[in-house]
Amino acid sequence: MARIRIGTTATKTAAITLSFFLLVAGAAGHAAAAEIKLLCAVALQSGAEGLIQDFERSSGHRVTVIYGTVGAVADRVQKGELVDVAIVSGAHIDELQKQRKIIPGSRVDIARVGVGVFVRKGAATPDIGSADAFKHSMLAAKSIAYPDPAGGGASGIYVASLLDRLGIAAQMKPKTKLFPPSPPLYQSVANGEVEIGFNQISEILAQPSVEFLGPLPAAIQNYTQFSAGISAASKEMNAGQALIAFLSSSAAAAHLKSKGFE
């Protein structure tokens, strides 16, 4: 099966569009600069970092961002941590709005991302072209790895449930390794310790040490919708709203698309 590669056209288009957006935003000046604290799902890190830097340059605001799994970020907001903006899954934002931890009505959808498969560079490519082919490839694999569901990461939770739904959880358990959503997951595949790895597509594309094989087949794919909301504890609500507006702009969407988001 051919590997899926990300071309440069989307990246160039994003750069041109984003440059125009920044010129417009910069014209607004740097009045009333604020310090914004952002808690953000780690799956968005590859796309968000550059955008946040652009936002700081164009607005004059400063953003302190802390990344974590969606579960960990939502838990921190739920416990009342002082934060201005949170970006987690849409379902988590909705629940936090019900709890009045996120201001009701402040939810704004940013992007969504699916679960992908990766292998060691130069390794044989298992067939994941259909649900049946995927199941067969998993049973034939010597080992697989994905983020530990206990850490609250959406991809790990989903892959564990998918193997169970396909009826192969028992067969896969002895050859499954769980990792935190960090470099050890990719290193285990890059060095040949593990044959096949799973994570959200945006995170895989940000790892040059492994080869992105492709997304899960459409019939068994799962998307995480990332959404932003203003914390009820925020002391910089206007600046927080400006940050969310920037991250949800059409220019930002073009940039995020080049990083594997939809």
C-alpha atoms as a PDB file:
ATOM      1  CA  MET A   1       0.000   0.000   0.000  1.00  0.00           C
ATOM      2  CA  ALA A   2       1.352   3.423  -0.891  1.00  0.00           C
ATOM      3  CA  ARG A   3       2.183   5.775   1.906  1.00  0.00           C
ATOM      4  CA  ILE A   4       0.203   8.989   2.074  1.00  0.00           C
ATOM      5  CA  ARG A   5       2.350  12.126   1.823  1.00  0.00           C
ATOM      6  CA  ILE A   6       1.471  15.727   2.553  1.00  0.00           C
ATOM      7  CA  GLY A   7       2.351  18.059  -0.314  1.00  0.00           C
ATOM      8  CA  THR A   8       3.540  21.645  -0.168  1.00  0.00           C
ATOM      9  CA  THR A   9       0.669  23.407  -1.969  1.00  0.00           C
ATOM     10  CA  ALA A  10      -1.510  23.647   1.138  1.00  0.00           C
ATOM     11  CA  THR A  11       1.450  24.926   3.141  1.00  0.00           C
ATOM     12  CA  LYS A  12       2.233  27.674   0.629  1.00  0.00           C
ATOM     13  CA  THR A  13      -1.405  28.699   0.410  1.00  0.00           C
ATOM     14  CA  ALA A  14      -1.631  28.829   4.192  1.00  0.00           C
ATOM     15  CA  ALA A  15       1.476  31.009   4.410  1.00  0.00           C
ATOM     16  CA  ILE A  16       0.146  33.508   1.871  1.00  0.00           C
ATOM     17  CA  THR A  17      -3.290  33.681   3.480  1.00  0.00           C
ATOM     18  CA  LEU A  18      -1.881  33.929   6.976  1.00  0.00           C
ATOM     19  CA  SER A  19       0.490  36.729   5.969  1.00  0.00           C
ATOM     20  CA  PHE A  20      -2.449  38.752   4.674  1.00  0.00           C
ATOM     21  CA  PHE A  21      -4.391  38.089   7.861  1.00  0.00           C
ATOM     22  CA  LEU A  22      -1.477  39.261   9.981  1.00  0.00           C
ATOM     23  CA  LEU A  23      -1.182  42.523   8.049  1.00  0.00           C
ATOM     24  CA  VAL A  24      -4.827  43.245   8.786  1.00  0.00           C
ATOM     25  CA  ALA A  25      -4.557  42.191  12.416  1.00  0.00           C
ATOM     26  CA  GLY A  26      -1.376  44.208  12.918  1.00  0.00           C
ATOM     27  CA  ALA A  27      -3.137  47.368  11.807  1.00  0.00           C
ATOM     28  CA  ALA A  28      -5.257  47.180  14.944  1.00  0.00           C
ATOM     29  CA  GLY A  29      -2.167  48.044  16.989  1.00  0.00           C
ATOM     30  CA  HIS A  30      -0.952  46.717  20.281  1.00  0.00           C
ATOM     31  CA  ALA A  31      -3.278  48.486  22.686  1.00  0.00           C
ATOM     32  CA  ALA A  32      -4.244  46.954  26.035  1.00  0.00           C
ATOM     33  CA  ALA A  33      -1.722  44.117  25.895  1.00  0.00           C
ATOM     34  CA  ALA A  34      -2.706  41.202  28.128  1.00  0.00           C
ATOM     35  CA  GLU A  35      -1.184  38.018  29.541  1.00  0.00           C
ATOM     36  CA  ILE A  36      -3.315  35.069  28.404  1.00  0.00           C
ATOM     37  CA  LYS A  37      -3.069  31.604  29.930  1.00  0.00           C
ATOM     38  CA  LEU A  38      -4.079  28.837  27.544  1.00  0.00           C
ATOM     39  CA  LEU A  39      -4.546  25.149  28.342  1.00  0.00           C
ATOM     40  CA  CYS A  40      -4.496  23.220  25.065  1.00  0.00           C
ATOM     41  CA  ALA A  41      -4.819  19.632  23.873  1.00  0.00           C
ATOM     42  CA  VAL A  42      -1.366  18.349  22.911  1.00  0.00           C
ATOM     43  CA  ALA A  43      -2.660  17.033  19.572  1.00  0.00           C
ATOM     44  CA  LEU A  44      -2.975  20.665  18.447  1.00  0.00           C
ATOM     45  CA  GLN A  45       0.579  21.609  19.410  1.00  0.00           C
ATOM     46  CA  SER A  46       2.151  21.171  15.975  1.00  0.00           C
ATOM     47  CA  GLY A  47      -0.348  23.565  14.426  1.00  0.00           C
ATOM     48  CA  ALA A  48      -0.970  25.909  17.336  1.00  0.00           C
ATOM     49  CA  GLU A  49       2.599  26.923  18.184  1.00  0.00           C
ATOM     50  CA  GLY A  50       3.233  28.957  15.050  1.00  0.00           C
ATOM     51  CA  LEU A  51      -0.236  30.489  15.137  1.00  0.00           C
ATOM     52  CA  ILE A  52       0.182  31.583  18.752  1.00  0.00           C
ATOM     53  CA  GLN A  53       3.466  33.287  17.908  1.00  0.00           C
ATOM     54  CA  ASP A  54       1.773  35.091  15.015  1.00  0.00           C
ATOM     55  CA  PHE A  55      -1.075  36.137  17.298  1.00  0.00           C
ATOM     56  CA  GLU A  56       1.372  37.561  19.830  1.00  0.00           C
ATOM     57  CA  ARG A  57       3.180  39.567  17.155  1.00  0.00           C
ATOM     58  CA  SER A  58      -0.019  40.950  15.652  1.00  0.00           C
ATOM     59  CA  SER A  59      -1.943  41.667  18.864  1.00  0.00           C
ATOM     60  CA  GLY A  60       0.725  42.579  21.388  1.00  0.00           C
ATOM     61  CA  HIS A  61      -0.766  40.072  23.840  1.00  0.00           C
ATOM     62  CA  ARG A  62       1.393  37.381  25.420  1.00  0.00           C
ATOM     63  CA  VAL A  63       0.226  33.764  25.623  1.00  0.00           C
ATOM     64  CA  THR A  64       1.422  31.201  28.141  1.00  0.00           C
ATOM     65  CA  VAL A  65       0.374  27.814  26.807  1.00  0.00           C
ATOM     66  CA  ILE A  66       0.396  24.474  28.605  1.00  0.00           C
ATOM     67  CA  TYR A  67      -0.253  21.307  26.595  1.00  0.00           C
ATOM     68  CA  GLY A  68      -1.731  18.049  27.838  1.00  0.00           C
ATOM     69  CA  THR A  69      -4.110  15.270  26.881  1.00  0.00           C
ATOM     70  CA  VAL A  70      -7.733  16.324  26.471  1.00  0.00           C
ATOM     71  CA  GLY A  71      -8.603  14.453  29.652  1.00  0.00           C
ATOM     72  CA  ALA A  72      -5.851  16.114  31.667  1.00  0.00           C
ATOM     73  CA  VAL A  73      -6.659  19.610  30.367  1.00  0.00           C
ATOM     74  CA  ALA A  74     -10.386  19.201  31.021  1.00  0.00           C
ATOM     75  CA  ASP A  75      -9.636  17.941  34.533  1.00  0.00           C
ATOM     76  CA  ARG A  76      -7.538  21.008  35.329  1.00  0.00           C
ATOM     77  CA  VAL A  77     -10.305  23.349  34.167  1.00  0.00           C
ATOM     78  CA  GLN A  78     -12.929  21.333  36.052  1.00  0.00           C
ATOM     79  CA  LYS A  79     -10.890  21.680  39.245  1.00  0.00           C
ATOM     80  CA  GLY A  80     -10.937  25.447  38.890  1.00  0.00           C
ATOM     81  CA  GLU A  81      -7.401  26.231  37.716  1.00  0.00           C
ATOM     82  CA  LEU A  82      -6.985  29.895  36.850  1.00  0.00           C
ATOM     83  CA  VAL A  83      -6.889  29.942  33.062  1.00  0.00           C
ATOM     84  CA  ASP A  84      -8.276  32.192  30.342  1.00  0.00           C
ATOM     85  CA  VAL A  85      -8.835  29.832  27.403  1.00  0.00           C
ATOM     86  CA  ALA A  86      -9.119  26.056  27.163  1.00  0.00           C
ATOM     87  CA  ILE A  87      -8.942  23.994  23.982  1.00  0.00           C
ATOM     88  CA  VAL A  88     -10.089  20.402  24.373  1.00  0.00           C
ATOM     89  CA  SER A  89     -12.600  18.159  22.645  1.00  0.00           C
ATOM     90  CA  GLY A  90     -15.994  19.595  21.807  1.00  0.00           C
ATOM     91  CA  ALA A  91     -17.618  17.101  24.181  1.00  0.00           C
ATOM     92  CA  HIS A  92     -15.398  18.252  27.038  1.00  0.00           C
ATOM     93  CA  ILE A  93     -16.144  21.926  26.330  1.00  0.00           C
ATOM     94  CA  ASP A  94     -19.868  21.174  26.349  1.00  0.00           C
ATOM     95  CA  GLU A  95     -19.583  19.396  29.691  1.00  0.00           C
ATOM     96  CA  LEU A  96     -17.486  22.196  31.187  1.00  0.00           C
ATOM     97  CA  GLN A  97     -20.091  24.710  30.019  1.00  0.00           C
ATOM     98  CA  LYS A  98     -22.762  22.738  31.861  1.00  0.00           C
ATOM     99  CA  GLN A  99     -20.606  22.924  34.974  1.00  0.00           C
ATOM    100  CA  ARG A 100     -20.136  26.680  34.437  1.00  0.00           C
ATOM    101  CA  LYS A 101     -16.354  26.171  34.334  1.00  0.00           C
ATOM    102  CA  ILE A 102     -16.407  27.416  30.732  1.00  0.00           C
ATOM    103  CA  ILE A 103     -18.651  30.385  29.955  1.00  0.00           C
ATOM    104  CA  PRO A 104     -21.838  29.054  28.320  1.00  0.00           C
ATOM    105  CA  GLY A 105     -22.043  29.993  24.656  1.00  0.00           C
ATOM    106  CA  SER A 106     -18.308  30.664  24.318  1.00  0.00           C
ATOM    107  CA  ARG A 107     -17.519  27.396  22.489  1.00  0.00           C
ATOM    108  CA  VAL A 108     -15.833  27.861  19.104  1.00  0.00           C
ATOM    109  CA  ASP A 109     -14.763  24.877  16.987  1.00  0.00           C
ATOM    110  CA  ILE A 110     -11.123  25.052  15.870  1.00  0.00           C
ATOM    111  CA  ALA A 111     -10.320  21.866  13.920  1.00  0.00           C
ATOM    112  CA  ARG A 112     -10.752  18.123  13.936  1.00  0.00           C
ATOM    113  CA  VAL A 113      -8.241  15.333  13.459  1.00  0.00           C
ATOM    114  CA  GLY A 114      -8.428  11.607  12.862  1.00  0.00           C
ATOM    115  CA  VAL A 115      -6.376   8.670  14.109  1.00  0.00           C
ATOM    116  CA  GLY A 116      -3.417   7.590  11.985  1.00  0.00           C
ATOM    117  CA  VAL A 117      -0.993   4.693  11.682  1.00  0.00           C
ATOM    118  CA  PHE A 118       2.791   4.914  11.545  1.00  0.00           C
ATOM    119  CA  VAL A 119       5.703   2.527  11.008  1.00  0.00           C
ATOM    120  CA  ARG A 120       9.487   2.565  11.029  1.00  0.00           C
ATOM    121  CA  LYS A 121      11.020   4.341   8.058  1.00  0.00           C
ATOM    122  CA  GLY A 122      11.698   1.854   5.288  1.00  0.00           C
ATOM    123  CA  ALA A 123       9.653  -0.888   6.947  1.00  0.00           C
ATOM    124  CA  ALA A 124       7.142  -3.089   5.141  1.00  0.00           C
ATOM    125  CA  THR A 125       3.742  -1.416   4.882  1.00  0.00           C
ATOM    126  CA  PRO A 126       0.807  -3.328   6.356  1.00  0.00           C
ATOM    127  CA  ASP A 127      -2.479  -3.081   4.471  1.00  0.00           C
ATOM    128  CA  ILE A 128      -4.909  -0.724   6.214  1.00  0.00           C
ATOM    129  CA  GLY A 129      -7.014   0.030   3.130  1.00  0.00           C
ATOM    130  CA  SER A 130     -10.228  -1.363   4.604  1.00  0.00           C
ATOM    131  CA  ALA A 131     -11.604  -2.423   7.955  1.00  0.00           C
ATOM    132  CA  ASP A 132     -11.100  -6.105   7.117  1.00  0.00           C
ATOM    133  CA  ALA A 133      -7.556  -5.510   5.869  1.00  0.00           C
ATOM    134  CA  PHE A 134      -6.798  -3.504   8.999  1.00  0.00           C
ATOM    135  CA  LYS A 135      -8.042  -6.302  11.246  1.00  0.00           C
ATOM    136  CA  HIS A 136      -5.955  -8.872   9.368  1.00  0.00           C
ATOM    137  CA  SER A 137      -2.847  -6.665   9.565  1.00  0.00           C
ATOM    138  CA  MET A 138      -3.284  -6.197  13.294  1.00  0.00           C
ATOM    139  CA  LEU A 139      -3.537  -9.949  13.881  1.00  0.00           C
ATOM    140  CA  ALA A 140      -0.438 -10.495  11.729  1.00  0.00           C
ATOM    141  CA  ALA A 141       1.600  -7.772  13.435  1.00  0.00           C
ATOM    142  CA  LYS A 142       4.297  -8.766  15.901  1.00  0.00           C
ATOM    143  CA  SER A 143       3.649  -5.712  18.086  1.00  0.00           C
ATOM    144  CA  ILE A 144       1.677  -2.472  18.225  1.00  0.00           C
ATOM    145  CA  ALA A 145       1.780   0.641  20.397  1.00  0.00           C
ATOM    146  CA  TYR A 146      -0.490   3.556  21.182  1.00  0.00           C
ATOM    147  CA  PRO A 147      -0.936   6.163  23.948  1.00  0.00           C
ATOM    148  CA  ASP A 148      -2.036   4.713  27.266  1.00  0.00           C
ATOM    149  CA  PRO A 149      -5.809   5.298  27.588  1.00  0.00           C
ATOM    150  CA  ALA A 150      -5.288   5.929  31.292  1.00  0.00           C
ATOM    151  CA  GLY A 151      -3.548   9.184  30.361  1.00  0.00           C
ATOM    152  CA  GLY A 152      -6.763  10.597  28.907  1.00  0.00           C
ATOM    153  CA  GLY A 153      -5.585  10.867  25.292  1.00  0.00           C
ATOM    154  CA  ALA A 154      -8.380  10.540  22.739  1.00  0.00           C
ATOM    155  CA  SER A 155      -6.441   8.345  20.298  1.00  0.00           C
ATOM    156  CA  GLY A 156      -5.410   5.776  22.897  1.00  0.00           C
ATOM    157  CA  ILE A 157      -8.927   5.530  24.275  1.00  0.00           C
ATOM    158  CA  TYR A 158     -10.320   5.028  20.796  1.00  0.00           C
ATOM    159  CA  VAL A 159      -7.770   2.448  19.582  1.00  0.00           C
ATOM    160  CA  ALA A 160      -8.370   0.339  22.688  1.00  0.00           C
ATOM    161  CA  SER A 161     -12.124   0.447  22.091  1.00  0.00           C
ATOM    162  CA  LEU A 162     -11.666  -0.269  18.377  1.00  0.00           C
ATOM    163  CA  LEU A 163      -9.668  -3.452  18.980  1.00  0.00           C
ATOM    164  CA  ASP A 164     -12.387  -4.572  21.357  1.00  0.00           C
ATOM    165  CA  ARG A 165     -15.116  -3.735  18.834  1.00  0.00           C
ATOM    166  CA  LEU A 166     -13.292  -5.709  16.132  1.00  0.00           C
ATOM    167  CA  GLY A 167     -13.207  -8.697  18.469  1.00  0.00           C
ATOM    168  CA  ILE A 168      -9.407  -8.940  18.607  1.00  0.00           C
ATOM    169  CA  ALA A 169      -8.607  -7.262  21.932  1.00  0.00           C
ATOM    170  CA  ALA A 170      -7.647 -10.558  23.594  1.00  0.00           C
ATOM    171  CA  GLN A 171      -5.303 -11.558  20.753  1.00  0.00           C
ATOM    172  CA  MET A 172      -3.695  -8.116  20.655  1.00  0.00           C
ATOM    173  CA  LYS A 173      -3.164  -7.649  24.401  1.00  0.00           C
ATOM    174  CA  PRO A 174       0.076  -9.721  24.680  1.00  0.00           C
ATOM    175  CA  LYS A 175       1.714  -7.753  21.849  1.00  0.00           C
ATOM    176  CA  THR A 176       0.483  -4.270  22.768  1.00  0.00           C
ATOM    177  CA  LYS A 177       2.633  -1.650  24.447  1.00  0.00           C
ATOM    178  CA  LEU A 178       1.192   1.492  25.980  1.00  0.00           C
ATOM    179  CA  PHE A 179       3.099   4.758  26.190  1.00  0.00           C
ATOM    180  CA  PRO A 180       2.502   8.321  27.297  1.00  0.00           C
ATOM    181  CA  PRO A 181       1.828  10.616  24.299  1.00  0.00           C
ATOM    182  CA  SER A 182       5.471  11.603  24.068  1.00  0.00           C
ATOM    183  CA  PRO A 183       8.708  10.700  22.221  1.00  0.00           C
ATOM    184  CA  PRO A 184       9.028   7.149  23.668  1.00  0.00           C
ATOM    185  CA  LEU A 185       5.970   6.116  21.633  1.00  0.00           C
ATOM    186  CA  TYR A 186       7.667   7.130  18.387  1.00  0.00           C
ATOM    187  CA  GLN A 187      11.109   5.946  19.433  1.00  0.00           C
ATOM    188  CA  SER A 188       9.761   2.449  20.056  1.00  0.00           C
ATOM    189  CA  VAL A 189       8.650   2.267  16.416  1.00  0.00           C
ATOM    190  CA  ALA A 190      11.629   4.137  14.957  1.00  0.00           C
ATOM    191  CA  ASN A 191      14.113   1.725  16.547  1.00  0.00           C
ATOM    192  CA  GLY A 192      12.163  -1.390  15.562  1.00  0.00           C
ATOM    193  CA  GLU A 193      11.051  -2.320  19.079  1.00  0.00           C
ATOM    194  CA  VAL A 194       7.419  -2.004  17.967  1.00  0.00           C
ATOM    195  CA  GLU A 195       6.106  -2.722  14.477  1.00  0.00           C
ATOM    196  CA  ILE A 196       3.026  -0.472  14.218  1.00  0.00           C
ATOM    197  CA  GLY A 197       2.063   2.660  16.115  1.00  0.00           C
ATOM    198  CA  PHE A 198      -1.092   4.736  16.430  1.00  0.00           C
ATOM    199  CA  ASN A 199      -1.792   8.322  17.375  1.00  0.00           C
ATOM    200  CA  GLN A 200      -3.631  11.354  16.087  1.00  0.00           C
ATOM    201  CA  ILE A 201      -2.506  12.284  12.586  1.00  0.00           C
ATOM    202  CA  SER A 202      -1.276  15.769  13.493  1.00  0.00           C
ATOM    203  CA  GLU A 203       1.068  14.358  16.112  1.00  0.00           C
ATOM    204  CA  ILE A 204       2.456  11.702  13.765  1.00  0.00           C
ATOM    205  CA  LEU A 205       3.196  14.243  11.034  1.00  0.00           C
ATOM    206  CA  ALA A 206       5.214  16.278  13.535  1.00  0.00           C
ATOM    207  CA  GLN A 207       7.555  13.318  14.132  1.00  0.00           C
ATOM    208  CA  PRO A 208      10.308  13.034  11.481  1.00  0.00           C
ATOM    209  CA  SER A 209      11.655   9.819  13.035  1.00  0.00           C
ATOM    210  CA  VAL A 210       8.762   7.653  11.779  1.00  0.00           C
ATOM    211  CA  GLU A 211       6.794   7.138   8.566  1.00  0.00           C
ATOM    212  CA  PHE A 212       3.122   8.099   8.423  1.00  0.00           C
ATOM    213  CA  LEU A 213       1.342   5.173   6.806  1.00  0.00           C
ATOM    214  CA  GLY A 214      -2.115   6.733   6.579  1.00  0.00           C
ATOM    215  CA  PRO A 215      -5.385   7.326   8.429  1.00  0.00           C
ATOM    216  CA  LEU A 216      -7.572   4.568   9.760  1.00  0.00           C
ATOM    217  CA  PRO A 217     -10.056   3.306   7.141  1.00  0.00           C
ATOM    218  CA  ALA A 218     -13.128   5.524   6.868  1.00  0.00           C
ATOM    219  CA  ALA A 219     -15.435   2.805   8.226  1.00  0.00           C
ATOM    220  CA  ILE A 220     -13.530   2.668  11.524  1.00  0.00           C
ATOM    221  CA  GLN A 221     -12.080   6.183  11.690  1.00  0.00           C
ATOM    222  CA  ASN A 222     -12.681   8.396  14.681  1.00  0.00           C
ATOM    223  CA  TYR A 223     -12.344  12.176  14.667  1.00  0.00           C
ATOM    224  CA  THR A 224     -11.679  14.380  17.653  1.00  0.00           C
ATOM    225  CA  GLN A 225     -13.229  17.811  17.322  1.00  0.00           C
ATOM    226  CA  PHE A 226     -11.126  20.379  19.134  1.00  0.00           C
ATOM    227  CA  SER A 227     -13.011  23.364  20.462  1.00  0.00           C
ATOM    228  CA  ALA A 228     -12.087  26.433  22.466  1.00  0.00           C
ATOM    229  CA  GLY A 229     -13.915  28.132  25.295  1.00  0.00           C
ATOM    230  CA  ILE A 230     -13.440  31.035  27.700  1.00  0.00           C
ATOM    231  CA  SER A 231     -12.833  30.032  31.292  1.00  0.00           C
ATOM    232  CA  ALA A 232     -15.315  31.359  33.814  1.00  0.00           C
ATOM    233  CA  ALA A 233     -12.279  32.239  35.943  1.00  0.00           C
ATOM    234  CA  SER A 234     -10.640  34.303  33.204  1.00  0.00           C
ATOM    235  CA  LYS A 235      -9.465  37.808  33.988  1.00  0.00           C
ATOM    236  CA  GLU A 236      -8.641  38.485  30.319  1.00  0.00           C
ATOM    237  CA  MET A 237     -11.872  37.573  28.573  1.00  0.00           C
ATOM    238  CA  ASN A 238     -11.559  40.097  25.742  1.00  0.00           C
ATOM    239  CA  ALA A 239      -8.011  39.021  24.963  1.00  0.00           C
ATOM    240  CA  GLY A 240      -9.071  35.391  25.224  1.00  0.00           C
ATOM    241  CA  GLN A 241     -11.853  35.991  22.724  1.00  0.00           C
ATOM    242  CA  ALA A 242      -9.361  37.643  20.373  1.00  0.00           C
ATOM    243  CA  LEU A 243      -7.098  34.591  20.605  1.00  0.00           C
ATOM    244  CA  ILE A 244      -9.978  32.224  19.847  1.00  0.00           C
ATOM    245  CA  ALA A 245     -11.065  34.384  16.902  1.00  0.00           C
ATOM    246  CA  PHE A 246      -7.523  34.232  15.528  1.00  0.00           C
ATOM    247  CA  LEU A 247      -7.238  30.447  15.931  1.00  0.00           C
ATOM    248  CA  SER A 248     -10.630  29.879  14.273  1.00  0.00           C
ATOM    249  CA  SER A 249     -10.030  32.240  11.327  1.00  0.00           C
ATOM    250  CA  SER A 250      -9.922  30.996   7.734  1.00  0.00           C
ATOM    251  CA  ALA A 251      -6.219  31.838   7.603  1.00  0.00           C
ATOM    252  CA  ALA A 252      -5.530  29.682  10.658  1.00  0.00           C
ATOM    253  CA  ALA A 253      -7.631  26.883   9.166  1.00  0.00           C
ATOM    254  CA  ALA A 254      -5.433  26.824   6.083  1.00  0.00           C
ATOM    255  CA  HIS A 255      -2.350  26.553   8.265  1.00  0.00           C
ATOM    256  CA  LEU A 256      -3.870  23.794  10.393  1.00  0.00           C
ATOM    257  CA  LYS A 257      -4.818  21.840   7.288  1.00  0.00           C
ATOM    258  CA  SER A 258      -1.158  21.734   6.269  1.00  0.00           C
ATOM    259  CA  LYS A 259      -0.444  20.115   9.643  1.00  0.00           C
ATOM    260  CA  GLY A 260      -2.915  17.260   9.173  1.00  0.00           C
ATOM    261  CA  PHE A 261      -6.091  18.790  10.596  1.00  0.00           C
ATOM    262  CA  GLU A 262      -9.450  19.079   8.879  1.00  0.00           C
END
